[in-house]
Amino acid sequence: AARYMEKVCCDWQRQTGSRVAILRLANVYGPRDRFAPGNANFIPGLIRRVCELESGQELEVWGSPDVVRDVIYAGDVAAAIVELLSAGFVGCEVFNLGGGIPVRVGQVVGLLLRLAGKDGVVVRYNRDRPATIDYRVLDCRRIGGKYGWQPRVDLADGLSRTLAWWKDNRHSWRR
């Protein structure tokens, strides 16, 4: 369905002359994300659960710590959109947009525990629970080569910003 919609957008561009940029996004995370248990994505779900833990408690993570994902901070996505809007591109262009760096689930879990000060938490990876493919990283060279855009927020900084936002807003944020 997503690929079909890309084709529809490019056909619309050819018919109207409008500028169309299609972004295929990696795992986006950041402040104001979905943190609710029923609909949280990978990183915000972990942040919420890590913040609820006490020292000595166990954190269950579904799958393997070696699963690799591509993640990108929401502010970097916004910067890429601004860059594309000001670049004056013509036609229908498709870009992969992610951090472009393989990130292991275990790395994210370890960073979050350290940033949240949850050193005494025990992590248990439950490999019997549903999981997805082991490796998913986007090739993001096209947008960088064509427009010079690169993500600016590294994983540790992005996690730190998102964690701080969640701590300040977790009692009022309903998403």
Protein backbone atom coordinates (compact mmCIF):
# COMPACT_ATOMS: atom_id res chain seq x y z
CA ALA A 1 0.00 0.00 0.00
CA ALA A 2 2.82 2.42 0.83
CA ARG A 3 4.59 1.80 -2.47
CA TYR A 4 1.29 2.27 -4.32
CA MET A 5 0.77 5.65 -2.60
CA GLU A 6 4.29 6.70 -3.64
CA LYS A 7 3.33 5.96 -7.26
CA VAL A 8 0.08 7.93 -6.85
CA CYS A 9 2.03 10.91 -5.47
CA CYS A 10 4.49 10.82 -8.39
CA ASP A 11 1.60 10.60 -10.89
CA TRP A 12 -0.04 13.58 -9.17
CA GLN A 13 3.24 15.49 -9.47
CA ARG A 14 3.45 14.76 -13.21
CA GLN A 15 -0.14 15.91 -13.73
CA THR A 16 0.00 19.08 -11.63
CA GLY A 17 3.66 20.08 -11.63
CA SER A 18 3.64 20.18 -7.82
CA ARG A 19 6.79 19.33 -5.92
CA VAL A 20 6.61 15.98 -4.13
CA ALA A 21 9.15 14.52 -1.73
CA ILE A 22 8.50 11.13 -0.23
CA LEU A 23 10.31 10.22 2.97
CA ARG A 24 10.69 6.59 4.00
CA LEU A 25 11.34 6.94 7.71
CA ALA A 26 13.31 4.75 10.09
CA ASN A 27 12.15 4.41 13.72
CA VAL A 28 11.43 8.00 14.74
CA TYR A 29 11.55 8.88 18.43
CA GLY A 30 11.52 12.03 20.53
CA PRO A 31 9.43 14.24 22.79
CA ARG A 32 5.66 14.08 22.33
CA ASP A 33 5.87 10.54 20.98
CA ARG A 34 3.39 7.76 21.77
CA PHE A 35 4.36 6.43 25.19
CA ALA A 36 1.09 4.64 26.05
CA PRO A 37 1.44 0.88 26.58
CA GLY A 38 -1.00 -0.04 23.81
CA ASN A 39 0.57 1.96 21.00
CA ALA A 40 4.13 2.93 21.94
CA ASN A 41 6.91 2.24 19.48
CA PHE A 42 10.24 0.67 20.39
CA ILE A 43 12.10 3.56 22.07
CA PRO A 44 9.24 5.47 23.76
CA GLY A 45 7.86 2.18 25.07
CA LEU A 46 11.23 1.34 26.61
CA ILE A 47 11.57 4.84 28.08
CA ARG A 48 8.19 4.61 29.80
CA ARG A 49 8.94 1.17 31.18
CA VAL A 50 12.47 2.09 32.34
CA CYS A 51 11.16 5.15 34.20
CA GLU A 52 8.64 2.99 36.07
CA LEU A 53 11.29 0.57 37.37
CA GLU A 54 12.86 0.49 40.79
CA SER A 55 16.39 -0.76 41.46
CA GLY A 56 16.49 -4.54 41.59
CA GLN A 57 13.40 -4.95 39.44
CA GLU A 58 13.47 -6.80 36.14
CA LEU A 59 12.99 -5.23 32.72
CA GLU A 60 11.61 -7.72 30.20
CA VAL A 61 12.50 -6.90 26.59
CA TRP A 62 10.96 -8.95 23.80
CA GLY A 63 13.39 -10.50 21.34
CA SER A 64 17.16 -10.40 21.26
CA PRO A 65 19.59 -7.66 22.34
CA ASP A 66 21.34 -8.21 19.01
CA VAL A 67 18.41 -7.09 16.83
CA VAL A 68 19.56 -4.09 14.79
CA ARG A 69 17.43 -1.06 13.94
CA ASP A 70 17.87 2.33 12.35
CA VAL A 71 16.58 5.14 14.59
CA ILE A 72 16.28 8.86 14.05
CA TYR A 73 15.47 11.70 16.43
CA ALA A 74 12.26 13.59 15.56
CA GLY A 75 14.10 16.93 15.42
CA ASP A 76 16.34 15.53 12.68
CA VAL A 77 13.27 14.50 10.68
CA ALA A 78 11.91 18.04 11.01
CA ALA A 79 15.27 19.49 9.89
CA ALA A 80 15.27 17.23 6.83
CA ILE A 81 11.78 18.39 5.88
CA VAL A 82 12.82 22.04 6.21
CA GLU A 83 15.93 21.33 4.11
CA LEU A 84 13.86 19.72 1.37
CA LEU A 85 11.27 22.51 1.37
CA SER A 86 13.96 25.15 0.99
CA ALA A 87 16.03 23.23 -1.56
CA GLY A 88 13.74 23.97 -4.49
CA PHE A 89 13.67 20.42 -5.82
CA VAL A 90 11.55 19.65 -8.87
CA GLY A 91 9.76 16.42 -9.55
CA CYS A 92 8.95 13.47 -7.39
CA GLU A 93 11.83 12.40 -5.18
CA VAL A 94 11.99 9.48 -2.75
CA PHE A 95 14.42 9.47 0.17
CA ASN A 96 15.22 7.07 2.97
CA LEU A 97 15.51 9.03 6.17
CA GLY A 98 17.14 7.53 9.22
CA GLY A 99 20.19 7.77 11.39
CA GLY A 100 21.97 5.52 8.91
CA ILE A 101 23.86 3.84 11.74
CA PRO A 102 23.01 0.33 12.92
CA VAL A 103 21.81 0.41 16.54
CA ARG A 104 21.37 -2.76 18.59
CA VAL A 105 18.38 -3.12 20.89
CA GLY A 106 20.75 -4.02 23.73
CA GLN A 107 22.66 -0.79 23.13
CA VAL A 108 19.46 1.27 23.43
CA VAL A 109 18.40 -0.58 26.58
CA GLY A 110 21.83 -0.09 28.19
CA LEU A 111 21.95 3.62 27.33
CA LEU A 112 18.44 4.22 28.67
CA LEU A 113 19.18 2.44 31.94
CA ARG A 114 22.38 4.45 32.38
CA LEU A 115 20.74 7.79 31.45
CA ALA A 116 17.79 7.09 33.78
CA GLY A 117 20.10 6.11 36.64
CA LYS A 118 18.64 2.60 36.83
CA ASP A 119 21.89 0.72 37.38
CA GLY A 120 20.36 -1.98 39.60
CA VAL A 121 17.76 -3.08 37.04
CA VAL A 122 18.07 -6.62 35.69
CA VAL A 123 17.37 -7.00 31.95
CA ARG A 124 15.83 -10.22 30.66
CA TYR A 125 15.42 -10.70 26.92
CA ASN A 126 12.41 -12.89 26.19
CA ARG A 127 13.11 -14.60 22.88
CA ASP A 128 9.80 -16.50 23.06
CA ARG A 129 7.78 -13.34 22.45
CA PRO A 130 6.91 -12.01 18.97
CA ALA A 131 9.77 -10.29 17.16
CA THR A 132 10.48 -8.88 13.72
CA ILE A 133 13.41 -9.29 11.36
CA ASP A 134 16.88 -9.16 12.92
CA TYR A 135 18.37 -6.37 10.82
CA ARG A 136 16.69 -3.26 9.41
CA VAL A 137 18.85 -0.24 8.54
CA LEU A 138 18.13 2.27 5.78
CA ASP A 139 20.60 3.47 3.16
CA CYS A 140 20.30 7.24 3.59
CA ARG A 141 23.12 8.36 1.30
CA ARG A 142 20.84 9.79 -1.38
CA ILE A 143 19.44 12.71 0.66
CA GLY A 144 22.91 13.49 2.01
CA GLY A 145 24.55 13.33 -1.40
CA LYS A 146 21.91 15.40 -3.12
CA TYR A 147 21.10 17.98 -0.44
CA GLY A 148 23.92 17.67 2.09
CA TRP A 149 21.54 16.72 4.89
CA GLN A 150 22.85 14.59 7.75
CA PRO A 151 21.29 13.80 11.13
CA ARG A 152 22.74 16.00 13.87
CA VAL A 153 21.47 14.36 17.06
CA ASP A 154 23.33 11.21 18.07
CA LEU A 155 21.66 8.34 19.87
CA ALA A 156 22.81 9.22 23.41
CA ASP A 157 21.76 12.87 23.06
CA GLY A 158 18.41 11.99 21.48
CA LEU A 159 17.64 9.43 24.17
CA SER A 160 18.66 11.90 26.86
CA ARG A 161 16.38 14.63 25.46
CA THR A 162 13.44 12.25 25.06
CA LEU A 163 13.93 10.75 28.51
CA ALA A 164 14.06 14.23 30.11
CA TRP A 165 10.91 15.29 28.28
CA TRP A 166 9.07 12.14 29.39
CA LYS A 167 10.10 12.62 33.02
CA ASP A 168 8.75 16.19 32.93
CA ASN A 169 5.51 15.32 31.13
CA ARG A 170 4.59 11.71 31.95
CA HIS A 171 1.79 12.65 34.33
CA SER A 172 0.00 14.87 31.82
CA TRP A 173 0.84 13.34 28.42
CA ARG A 174 -1.96 11.10 27.21
CA ARG A 175 -0.54 9.77 23.98
